C-alpha cells in the first residue's frame, strides 16, 4: 500500500471546515456540517457533472479513483441519498486519519478500499458504475498508470453503456501531457468535453482540466448553462474545440507513460 510522506488535517477558513494537506500541499477541503459547500473550484466543476448524471436526487453508483478526505463522496451522499459509492484509495493511513478526525456520515453508502486505481478498477464487474471519477495524485501529480489506453479501456468496461467518466487532469499550456492522455482516452470514449478556468487555457501556469468522457452523450448544454452562472466562471469546450486546442498526441500506454507535470513551487 502507498504511504504519504506527510499528512495533516488543519482548520479551514470557517468554523467546521478542514483542509487535508499531503506532502505540504492542500489536497481536500471538507465542510462537515455543509458537505455540499465546495471550496476548490475544480471540485465544484466535477460536482456539476455529478449533478447532471441523473435526475436530481436519484441515487448513483459511483466509483472514485482517489479519495483523500472524501469531499466528493460526501457530496454525493448528501445530494443523492442511498447512492452506492466505492472509493479506491491506496493510502490506508490517510483514510484512517480521515475517518478518525473527519468521520463519514453514518449509513453514507461510502465504501473505501485500500487499493490503487488500476488494481481496484480491475476487480470491479462489467457495468458496475454509472459514473467513475478520477481525482488521484501522488506527490502532486496524476500517476502515469492512470492515463493509459489500457486503464481507460478497463474503466469503459466498468461503466454502464451510457455512463460518464470524469477526470481531473493537471497541466499547463501547451498541454503536451494532456494531449497524450486525451489521445488514449479517445480510443475507448468517443464523446468528450473539457472544462477549465479561462486563465488556465490562456496562460502557462498549471491548472485543473476537468474532462468528461462517455460512449454516449456528454452533458455539454447543461454544463455550459452552469458555467455561465458559476461563482468562478469556467469555459466548456466541445469535441471540435478540443480537437483544435488539445488534438494530436501519441496515446499513453502501460509501456510508455508519464505522470502529469509537477506542481509549481
C-alpha atoms as a PDB file:
ATOM      1  CA  UNK A   1       0.000   0.000   0.000  1.00  0.00           C
ATOM      2  CA  UNK A   2       1.160   3.529  -0.789  1.00  0.00           C
ATOM      3  CA  UNK A   3       2.189   5.768   2.097  1.00  0.00           C
ATOM      4  CA  UNK A   4       2.084   9.558   2.088  1.00  0.00           C
ATOM      5  CA  UNK A   5       5.282  11.230   3.261  1.00  0.00           C
ATOM      6  CA  UNK A   6       3.273  13.547   5.487  1.00  0.00           C
ATOM      7  CA  UNK A   7      -0.409  14.016   6.238  1.00  0.00           C
ATOM      8  CA  UNK A   8      -2.100  16.653   8.341  1.00  0.00           C
ATOM      9  CA  UNK A   9      -5.639  17.929   8.782  1.00  0.00           C
ATOM     10  CA  UNK A  10      -5.815  21.627   9.643  1.00  0.00           C
ATOM     11  CA  UNK A  11      -8.747  24.004  10.310  1.00  0.00           C
ATOM     12  CA  UNK A  12     -10.179  25.789   7.290  1.00  0.00           C
ATOM     13  CA  UNK A  13     -11.166  29.423   6.970  1.00  0.00           C
ATOM     14  CA  UNK A  14     -14.622  28.912   8.524  1.00  0.00           C
ATOM     15  CA  UNK A  15     -15.738  27.045  11.664  1.00  0.00           C
ATOM     16  CA  UNK A  16     -16.344  23.383  10.942  1.00  0.00           C
ATOM     17  CA  UNK A  17     -14.181  23.319   7.821  1.00  0.00           C
ATOM     18  CA  UNK A  18     -10.934  21.422   7.418  1.00  0.00           C
ATOM     19  CA  UNK A  19      -8.137  21.051   4.881  1.00  0.00           C
ATOM     20  CA  UNK A  20      -6.240  17.832   4.288  1.00  0.00           C
ATOM     21  CA  UNK A  21      -2.611  18.503   3.400  1.00  0.00           C
ATOM     22  CA  UNK A  22      -0.456  15.791   1.839  1.00  0.00           C
ATOM     23  CA  UNK A  23       3.267  16.375   1.491  1.00  0.00           C
ATOM     24  CA  UNK A  24       2.686  20.053   2.282  1.00  0.00           C
ATOM     25  CA  UNK A  25       0.071  20.590  -0.439  1.00  0.00           C
ATOM     26  CA  UNK A  26      -3.642  21.216   0.035  1.00  0.00           C
ATOM     27  CA  UNK A  27      -5.401  18.085  -1.171  1.00  0.00           C
ATOM     28  CA  UNK A  28      -9.001  18.280   0.084  1.00  0.00           C
ATOM     29  CA  UNK A  29     -11.356  20.760   1.722  1.00  0.00           C
ATOM     30  CA  UNK A  30     -14.263  19.456   3.825  1.00  0.00           C
ATOM     31  CA  UNK A  31     -17.180  21.257   5.467  1.00  0.00           C
ATOM     32  CA  UNK A  32     -18.565  18.663   7.869  1.00  0.00           C
ATOM     33  CA  UNK A  33     -21.850  20.468   8.535  1.00  0.00           C
ATOM     34  CA  UNK A  34     -22.405  21.511   4.923  1.00  0.00           C
ATOM     35  CA  UNK A  35     -20.910  18.831   2.620  1.00  0.00           C
ATOM     36  CA  UNK A  36     -22.398  20.492  -0.463  1.00  0.00           C
ATOM     37  CA  UNK A  37     -20.253  23.591   0.125  1.00  0.00           C
ATOM     38  CA  UNK A  38     -17.251  23.022  -2.104  1.00  0.00           C
ATOM     39  CA  UNK A  39     -14.224  25.279  -1.734  1.00  0.00           C
ATOM     40  CA  UNK A  40     -11.978  24.141  -4.582  1.00  0.00           C
ATOM     41  CA  UNK A  41     -13.142  25.415  -7.965  1.00  0.00           C
ATOM     42  CA  UNK A  42     -12.314  22.239  -9.889  1.00  0.00           C
ATOM     43  CA  UNK A  43     -14.207  20.124  -7.336  1.00  0.00           C
ATOM     44  CA  UNK A  44     -17.267  22.291  -7.941  1.00  0.00           C
ATOM     45  CA  UNK A  45     -16.933  21.583 -11.665  1.00  0.00           C
ATOM     46  CA  UNK A  46     -16.816  17.824 -11.029  1.00  0.00           C
ATOM     47  CA  UNK A  47     -19.863  18.181  -8.788  1.00  0.00           C
ATOM     48  CA  UNK A  48     -21.683  19.931 -11.640  1.00  0.00           C
ATOM     49  CA  UNK A  49     -21.144  16.799 -13.740  1.00  0.00           C
ATOM     50  CA  UNK A  50     -22.394  14.576 -10.926  1.00  0.00           C
ATOM     51  CA  UNK A  51     -25.486  16.762 -10.605  1.00  0.00           C
ATOM     52  CA  UNK A  52     -26.263  16.228 -14.289  1.00  0.00           C
ATOM     53  CA  UNK A  53     -25.520  12.494 -14.399  1.00  0.00           C
ATOM     54  CA  UNK A  54     -29.053  11.530 -13.372  1.00  0.00           C
ATOM     55  CA  UNK A  55     -32.311  13.151 -12.286  1.00  0.00           C
ATOM     56  CA  UNK A  56     -31.913  15.354  -9.180  1.00  0.00           C
ATOM     57  CA  UNK A  57     -31.826  13.310  -6.002  1.00  0.00           C
ATOM     58  CA  UNK A  58     -31.752   9.948  -7.769  1.00  0.00           C
ATOM     59  CA  UNK A  59     -29.139   7.554  -6.352  1.00  0.00           C
ATOM     60  CA  UNK A  60     -25.989   6.868  -8.361  1.00  0.00           C
ATOM     61  CA  UNK A  61     -23.438   4.086  -8.436  1.00  0.00           C
ATOM     62  CA  UNK A  62     -20.135   5.968  -8.340  1.00  0.00           C
ATOM     63  CA  UNK A  63     -16.527   4.786  -8.254  1.00  0.00           C
ATOM     64  CA  UNK A  64     -13.954   7.316  -7.058  1.00  0.00           C
ATOM     65  CA  UNK A  65     -10.332   6.707  -8.045  1.00  0.00           C
ATOM     66  CA  UNK A  66      -8.642   8.662  -5.266  1.00  0.00           C
ATOM     67  CA  UNK A  67     -10.304   9.576  -2.004  1.00  0.00           C
ATOM     68  CA  UNK A  68      -8.203  11.813   0.269  1.00  0.00           C
ATOM     69  CA  UNK A  69     -10.732  13.455   2.657  1.00  0.00           C
ATOM     70  CA  UNK A  70     -13.726  12.116   0.659  1.00  0.00           C
ATOM     71  CA  UNK A  71     -15.069  15.534  -0.364  1.00  0.00           C
ATOM     72  CA  UNK A  72     -16.922  14.302  -3.450  1.00  0.00           C
ATOM     73  CA  UNK A  73     -18.243  11.070  -1.889  1.00  0.00           C
ATOM     74  CA  UNK A  74     -19.675  13.185   0.952  1.00  0.00           C
ATOM     75  CA  UNK A  75     -21.251  15.495  -1.636  1.00  0.00           C
ATOM     76  CA  UNK A  76     -22.927  12.620  -3.478  1.00  0.00           C
ATOM     77  CA  UNK A  77     -24.157  11.103  -0.194  1.00  0.00           C
ATOM     78  CA  UNK A  78     -25.748  14.464   0.713  1.00  0.00           C
ATOM     79  CA  UNK A  79     -27.295  15.264  -2.669  1.00  0.00           C
ATOM     80  CA  UNK A  80     -28.214  11.719  -3.696  1.00  0.00           C
ATOM     81  CA  UNK A  81     -29.129   9.639  -0.630  1.00  0.00           C
ATOM     82  CA  UNK A  82     -28.876   5.850  -0.951  1.00  0.00           C
ATOM     83  CA  UNK A  83     -26.148   6.094  -3.582  1.00  0.00           C
ATOM     84  CA  UNK A  84     -23.666   3.216  -3.650  1.00  0.00           C
ATOM     85  CA  UNK A  85     -20.114   4.564  -3.745  1.00  0.00           C
ATOM     86  CA  UNK A  86     -16.750   2.816  -3.863  1.00  0.00           C
ATOM     87  CA  UNK A  87     -13.588   4.804  -3.144  1.00  0.00           C
ATOM     88  CA  UNK A  88     -10.246   3.390  -4.302  1.00  0.00           C
ATOM     89  CA  UNK A  89      -7.609   4.951  -2.045  1.00  0.00           C
ATOM     90  CA  UNK A  90      -4.261   3.153  -1.632  1.00  0.00           C
ATOM     91  CA  UNK A  91      -3.013   5.378   1.235  1.00  0.00           C
ATOM     92  CA  UNK A  92      -4.665   3.409   4.031  1.00  0.00           C
ATOM     93  CA  UNK A  93      -3.072   5.532   6.759  1.00  0.00           C
ATOM     94  CA  UNK A  94      -4.596   8.684   5.239  1.00  0.00           C
ATOM     95  CA  UNK A  95      -8.020   7.039   5.208  1.00  0.00           C
ATOM     96  CA  UNK A  96      -7.603   6.008   8.846  1.00  0.00           C
ATOM     97  CA  UNK A  97      -6.729   9.560   9.867  1.00  0.00           C
ATOM     98  CA  UNK A  98      -9.649  10.994   7.881  1.00  0.00           C
ATOM     99  CA  UNK A  99     -12.068   8.512   9.453  1.00  0.00           C
ATOM    100  CA  UNK A 100     -10.792   9.421  12.920  1.00  0.00           C
ATOM    101  CA  UNK A 101     -10.761  13.219  12.548  1.00  0.00           C
ATOM    102  CA  UNK A 102     -13.399  13.796   9.832  1.00  0.00           C
ATOM    103  CA  UNK A 103     -15.839  10.886  10.229  1.00  0.00           C
ATOM    104  CA  UNK A 104     -18.047   9.912   7.330  1.00  0.00           C
ATOM    105  CA  UNK A 105     -21.808  10.207   7.919  1.00  0.00           C
ATOM    106  CA  UNK A 106     -23.500   7.094   9.242  1.00  0.00           C
ATOM    107  CA  UNK A 107     -25.126   4.919   6.565  1.00  0.00           C
ATOM    108  CA  UNK A 108     -23.457   7.047   3.889  1.00  0.00           C
ATOM    109  CA  UNK A 109     -23.116   4.165   1.428  1.00  0.00           C
ATOM    110  CA  UNK A 110     -19.418   5.014   1.015  1.00  0.00           C
ATOM    111  CA  UNK A 111     -17.076   2.015   0.968  1.00  0.00           C
ATOM    112  CA  UNK A 112     -13.331   2.668   0.941  1.00  0.00           C
ATOM    113  CA  UNK A 113     -10.972   0.033  -0.452  1.00  0.00           C
ATOM    114  CA  UNK A 114      -7.230   0.302   0.313  1.00  0.00           C
ATOM    115  CA  UNK A 115      -6.137  -0.283  -3.263  1.00  0.00           C
ATOM    116  CA  UNK A 116      -4.853   1.785  -6.167  1.00  0.00           C
ATOM    117  CA  UNK A 117      -6.994   2.786  -9.106  1.00  0.00           C
ATOM    118  CA  UNK A 118      -5.616   0.352 -11.641  1.00  0.00           C
ATOM    119  CA  UNK A 119      -5.965  -2.722  -9.414  1.00  0.00           C
ATOM    120  CA  UNK A 120      -9.244  -1.538  -7.918  1.00  0.00           C
ATOM    121  CA  UNK A 121     -10.925  -0.955 -11.276  1.00  0.00           C
ATOM    122  CA  UNK A 122      -9.753  -4.380 -12.467  1.00  0.00           C
ATOM    123  CA  UNK A 123     -11.618  -6.001  -9.557  1.00  0.00           C
ATOM    124  CA  UNK A 124     -14.999  -4.456 -10.426  1.00  0.00           C
ATOM    125  CA  UNK A 125     -17.615  -6.232 -12.536  1.00  0.00           C
ATOM    126  CA  UNK A 126     -18.661  -5.125 -16.005  1.00  0.00           C
ATOM    127  CA  UNK A 127     -21.194  -2.276 -15.986  1.00  0.00           C
ATOM    128  CA  UNK A 128     -20.808  -1.702 -12.242  1.00  0.00           C
ATOM    129  CA  UNK A 129     -20.913   2.114 -12.245  1.00  0.00           C
ATOM    130  CA  UNK A 130     -22.888   4.977 -13.690  1.00  0.00           C
ATOM    131  CA  UNK A 131     -20.010   7.388 -13.007  1.00  0.00           C
ATOM    132  CA  UNK A 132     -16.274   6.922 -12.473  1.00  0.00           C
ATOM    133  CA  UNK A 133     -14.363   9.914 -11.083  1.00  0.00           C
ATOM    134  CA  UNK A 134     -10.579  10.047 -11.442  1.00  0.00           C
ATOM    135  CA  UNK A 135      -9.124  12.550  -8.959  1.00  0.00           C
ATOM    136  CA  UNK A 136      -5.895  10.933  -7.807  1.00  0.00           C
ATOM    137  CA  UNK A 137      -2.449  12.348  -7.096  1.00  0.00           C
ATOM    138  CA  UNK A 138       0.925  11.131  -5.904  1.00  0.00           C
ATOM    139  CA  UNK A 139       3.364  13.868  -4.988  1.00  0.00           C
ATOM    140  CA  UNK A 140       1.049  16.431  -6.569  1.00  0.00           C
ATOM    141  CA  UNK A 141       0.987  14.622  -9.930  1.00  0.00           C
ATOM    142  CA  UNK A 142      -1.587  12.428 -11.645  1.00  0.00           C
ATOM    143  CA  UNK A 143       0.038   8.952 -11.752  1.00  0.00           C
ATOM    144  CA  UNK A 144       1.057   7.821 -15.210  1.00  0.00           C
ATOM    145  CA  UNK A 145      -0.545   4.400 -14.776  1.00  0.00           C
ATOM    146  CA  UNK A 146      -3.961   6.099 -14.578  1.00  0.00           C
ATOM    147  CA  UNK A 147      -3.845   7.772 -18.005  1.00  0.00           C
ATOM    148  CA  UNK A 148      -3.026   4.839 -20.278  1.00  0.00           C
ATOM    149  CA  UNK A 149      -5.115   3.407 -23.084  1.00  0.00           C
ATOM    150  CA  UNK A 150      -5.267   0.105 -21.193  1.00  0.00           C
ATOM    151  CA  UNK A 151      -6.574   1.671 -17.994  1.00  0.00           C
ATOM    152  CA  UNK A 152      -9.166   3.713 -19.867  1.00  0.00           C
ATOM    153  CA  UNK A 153     -10.408   0.572 -21.642  1.00  0.00           C
ATOM    154  CA  UNK A 154     -10.898  -1.061 -18.243  1.00  0.00           C
ATOM    155  CA  UNK A 155     -12.821   1.978 -16.982  1.00  0.00           C
ATOM    156  CA  UNK A 156     -15.085   1.703 -20.039  1.00  0.00           C
ATOM    157  CA  UNK A 157     -15.747  -1.929 -19.122  1.00  0.00           C
ATOM    158  CA  UNK A 158     -16.747  -0.966 -15.567  1.00  0.00           C
ATOM    159  CA  UNK A 159     -19.131   1.787 -16.705  1.00  0.00           C
ATOM    160  CA  UNK A 160     -22.613   1.103 -17.972  1.00  0.00           C
ATOM    161  CA  UNK A 161     -23.039   1.829 -21.720  1.00  0.00           C
ATOM    162  CA  UNK A 162     -24.080   5.465 -21.236  1.00  0.00           C
ATOM    163  CA  UNK A 163     -22.016   6.085 -18.098  1.00  0.00           C
ATOM    164  CA  UNK A 164     -19.762   9.087 -17.517  1.00  0.00           C
ATOM    165  CA  UNK A 165     -16.027   9.108 -16.841  1.00  0.00           C
ATOM    166  CA  UNK A 166     -14.886  12.343 -15.136  1.00  0.00           C
ATOM    167  CA  UNK A 167     -11.158  13.079 -14.944  1.00  0.00           C
ATOM    168  CA  UNK A 168      -9.284  15.805 -13.104  1.00  0.00           C
ATOM    169  CA  UNK A 169      -6.056  16.364 -15.045  1.00  0.00           C
ATOM    170  CA  UNK A 170      -3.405  18.980 -14.275  1.00  0.00           C
ATOM    171  CA  UNK A 171      -1.258  20.574 -16.936  1.00  0.00           C
ATOM    172  CA  UNK A 172      -0.122  23.874 -18.386  1.00  0.00           C
ATOM    173  CA  UNK A 173      -0.056  25.297 -21.919  1.00  0.00           C
ATOM    174  CA  UNK A 174       0.828  23.974 -24.488  1.00  0.00           C
ATOM    175  CA  UNK A 175      -0.724  20.875 -22.799  1.00  0.00           C
ATOM    176  CA  UNK A 176       1.534  18.246 -24.318  1.00  0.00           C
ATOM    177  CA  UNK A 177       0.864  15.783 -21.492  1.00  0.00           C
ATOM    178  CA  UNK A 178      -2.901  16.260 -21.707  1.00  0.00           C
ATOM    179  CA  UNK A 179      -2.857  15.763 -25.485  1.00  0.00           C
ATOM    180  CA  UNK A 180      -1.365  12.312 -24.965  1.00  0.00           C
ATOM    181  CA  UNK A 181      -3.830  11.442 -22.192  1.00  0.00           C
ATOM    182  CA  UNK A 182      -6.782  12.539 -24.347  1.00  0.00           C
ATOM    183  CA  UNK A 183      -5.467  10.557 -27.322  1.00  0.00           C
ATOM    184  CA  UNK A 184      -5.532   7.459 -25.107  1.00  0.00           C
ATOM    185  CA  UNK A 185      -8.985   8.359 -23.800  1.00  0.00           C
ATOM    186  CA  UNK A 186     -10.479   8.718 -27.286  1.00  0.00           C
ATOM    187  CA  UNK A 187      -9.656   5.070 -28.041  1.00  0.00           C
ATOM    188  CA  UNK A 188     -12.409   3.988 -25.607  1.00  0.00           C
ATOM    189  CA  UNK A 189     -14.615   7.071 -25.268  1.00  0.00           C
ATOM    190  CA  UNK A 190     -15.690   8.830 -28.485  1.00  0.00           C
ATOM    191  CA  UNK A 191     -17.643  11.625 -26.767  1.00  0.00           C
ATOM    192  CA  UNK A 192     -15.602  14.208 -24.838  1.00  0.00           C
ATOM    193  CA  UNK A 193     -15.797  17.669 -23.337  1.00  0.00           C
ATOM    194  CA  UNK A 194     -13.314  19.661 -21.271  1.00  0.00           C
ATOM    195  CA  UNK A 195     -13.773  22.470 -18.761  1.00  0.00           C
ATOM    196  CA  UNK A 196     -11.162  24.849 -17.391  1.00  0.00           C
ATOM    197  CA  UNK A 197     -10.711  28.300 -15.954  1.00  0.00           C
ATOM    198  CA  UNK A 198     -10.000  30.846 -18.714  1.00  0.00           C
ATOM    199  CA  UNK A 199      -6.633  31.689 -17.108  1.00  0.00           C
ATOM    200  CA  UNK A 200      -5.537  28.057 -17.361  1.00  0.00           C
ATOM    201  CA  UNK A 201      -6.371  27.951 -21.067  1.00  0.00           C
ATOM    202  CA  UNK A 202      -4.614  31.276 -21.781  1.00  0.00           C
ATOM    203  CA  UNK A 203      -1.533  31.172 -19.598  1.00  0.00           C
ATOM    204  CA  UNK A 204       1.288  28.786 -18.926  1.00  0.00           C
ATOM    205  CA  UNK A 205       0.529  28.239 -15.261  1.00  0.00           C
ATOM    206  CA  UNK A 206      -0.507  24.808 -14.084  1.00  0.00           C
ATOM    207  CA  UNK A 207      -4.259  24.348 -13.764  1.00  0.00           C
ATOM    208  CA  UNK A 208      -7.045  21.788 -13.448  1.00  0.00           C
ATOM    209  CA  UNK A 209      -8.628  20.429 -16.616  1.00  0.00           C
ATOM    210  CA  UNK A 210     -11.851  18.531 -15.911  1.00  0.00           C
ATOM    211  CA  UNK A 211     -12.639  16.118 -18.735  1.00  0.00           C
ATOM    212  CA  UNK A 212     -15.932  14.267 -19.197  1.00  0.00           C
ATOM    213  CA  UNK A 213     -15.908  11.193 -21.440  1.00  0.00           C
ATOM    214  CA  UNK A 214     -18.591   8.756 -22.482  1.00  0.00           C
ATOM    215  CA  UNK A 215     -19.585   6.232 -25.118  1.00  0.00           C
ATOM    216  CA  UNK A 216     -22.927   8.078 -25.267  1.00  0.00           C
ATOM    217  CA  UNK A 217     -23.757  11.777 -24.962  1.00  0.00           C
ATOM    218  CA  UNK A 218     -21.912  14.091 -22.558  1.00  0.00           C
ATOM    219  CA  UNK A 219     -23.845  16.845 -20.712  1.00  0.00           C
ATOM    220  CA  UNK A 220     -22.489  19.708 -22.820  1.00  0.00           C
ATOM    221  CA  UNK A 221     -25.511  22.032 -22.761  1.00  0.00           C
ATOM    222  CA  UNK A 222     -26.121  21.517 -19.045  1.00  0.00           C
ATOM    223  CA  UNK A 223     -22.532  22.268 -18.113  1.00  0.00           C
ATOM    224  CA  UNK A 224     -22.400  25.353 -20.312  1.00  0.00           C
ATOM    225  CA  UNK A 225     -25.528  26.653 -18.603  1.00  0.00           C
ATOM    226  CA  UNK A 226     -23.968  26.054 -15.199  1.00  0.00           C
ATOM    227  CA  UNK A 227     -20.638  27.588 -16.207  1.00  0.00           C
ATOM    228  CA  UNK A 228     -22.356  30.846 -17.141  1.00  0.00           C
ATOM    229  CA  UNK A 229     -23.843  31.136 -13.635  1.00  0.00           C
ATOM    230  CA  UNK A 230     -20.882  29.829 -11.638  1.00  0.00           C
ATOM    231  CA  UNK A 231     -19.290  31.932  -8.915  1.00  0.00           C
ATOM    232  CA  UNK A 232     -15.974  31.174 -10.636  1.00  0.00           C
ATOM    233  CA  UNK A 233     -16.869  31.154 -14.356  1.00  0.00           C
ATOM    234  CA  UNK A 234     -15.275  28.445 -16.450  1.00  0.00           C
ATOM    235  CA  UNK A 235     -15.173  27.512 -20.115  1.00  0.00           C
ATOM    236  CA  UNK A 236     -16.625  24.292 -21.510  1.00  0.00           C
ATOM    237  CA  UNK A 237     -15.046  23.061 -24.749  1.00  0.00           C
ATOM    238  CA  UNK A 238     -16.891  20.672 -27.054  1.00  0.00           C
ATOM    239  CA  UNK A 239     -15.245  17.888 -29.065  1.00  0.00           C
ATOM    240  CA  UNK A 240     -14.417  20.155 -32.022  1.00  0.00           C
ATOM    241  CA  UNK A 241     -12.849  22.799 -29.786  1.00  0.00           C
ATOM    242  CA  UNK A 242     -10.872  20.080 -28.020  1.00  0.00           C
ATOM    243  CA  UNK A 243      -9.502  18.824 -31.309  1.00  0.00           C
ATOM    244  CA  UNK A 244      -8.354  22.361 -32.113  1.00  0.00           C
ATOM    245  CA  UNK A 245      -6.779  23.036 -28.727  1.00  0.00           C
ATOM    246  CA  UNK A 246      -5.933  19.566 -27.449  1.00  0.00           C
ATOM    247  CA  UNK A 247      -5.641  17.404 -30.561  1.00  0.00           C
ATOM    248  CA  UNK A 248      -2.751  15.264 -31.690  1.00  0.00           C
ATOM    249  CA  UNK A 249      -0.539  13.427 -29.292  1.00  0.00           C
ATOM    250  CA  UNK A 250       0.521   9.792 -29.093  1.00  0.00           C
ATOM    251  CA  UNK A 251      -1.677   7.778 -26.706  1.00  0.00           C
ATOM    252  CA  UNK A 252      -0.089   6.830 -23.401  1.00  0.00           C
ATOM    253  CA  UNK A 253       0.258   3.061 -22.887  1.00  0.00           C
ATOM    254  CA  UNK A 254       1.461   0.916 -19.999  1.00  0.00           C
ATOM    255  CA  UNK A 255       4.929   0.788 -21.573  1.00  0.00           C
ATOM    256  CA  UNK A 256       5.068   4.475 -22.491  1.00  0.00           C
ATOM    257  CA  UNK A 257       3.558   6.851 -19.974  1.00  0.00           C
ATOM    258  CA  UNK A 258       4.398   9.710 -17.605  1.00  0.00           C
ATOM    259  CA  UNK A 259       2.761  11.403 -14.613  1.00  0.00           C
ATOM    260  CA  UNK A 260       1.338  14.878 -15.076  1.00  0.00           C
ATOM    261  CA  UNK A 261       3.716  17.854 -14.872  1.00  0.00           C
ATOM    262  CA  UNK A 262       4.968  18.650 -11.356  1.00  0.00           C
ATOM    263  CA  UNK A 263       3.206  21.393  -9.386  1.00  0.00           C
ATOM    264  CA  UNK A 264       4.727  24.831  -9.446  1.00  0.00           C
ATOM    265  CA  UNK A 265       6.930  25.661  -6.470  1.00  0.00           C
END
